[in-house]
Amino acid sequence: MSRLLAIYLAICGLKRGPQDLPASRSLLYLSGTLYAATIWLYEIREGDVWTGLPTVILGIVTTWALYSSLLRFNEKEARLTQTLSASFGCNAIFNLAAAPIRWPWADAILAKTEPPPGFGLMLFAIIIWSLVIEGHVVRNAIDTSLGKGMAIALAFAIISVTVLVLVRSALP
């Protein structure tokens, strides 16, 4: 297990790629579950336990659909398991690492007070680095440049947020 964590951390540091993970459905399910749990942790801080469930489901389904489409379009469907494992696992690690910054920010927003000084800049840096990591995963998945990978990662983020906002606005 520590070997897998080391690979995930190396992916987050742009030193390794999804291809370095085993093509294992078990790993995909584990990383997806951990990713879902970290999304849910953020969501339940803003409401009750069930409020975050649509966000968790949408996060998983949207990521799967976007990567599945991207890899099919680039004729690299065989890489889906490793790519999703990398994306889910790196996002889970990143969500946990970012919690000390994101939670006080969210608490300030919920309380309608000013966030602590410097938190806006730190949150911006977190968002940028998460796009770099996701761009790195995309780059390795479809054999392209980091710039193109980051552009696709940004498009994925915009699509994911748009879907989430649309679905949340339709819920009671």
Foldseek 3Di string as FASTA:
>chain_A
DVVVVVQLVCLLVLNHELVPDDLDVVLLVVLLVLLLVLQQVVQCVVHHSCRSVVVSVLVLVLVLVLLCVVCVVLVQNVSSSSLSSSLSNNNSVLSVVCCVLVVQVVVCVVVVHDGDPPSVVVVVVSVVSNLQSQLSHQCVRRVDDSVVSSVSSVVSVVVSVVVVVVVVVVDD
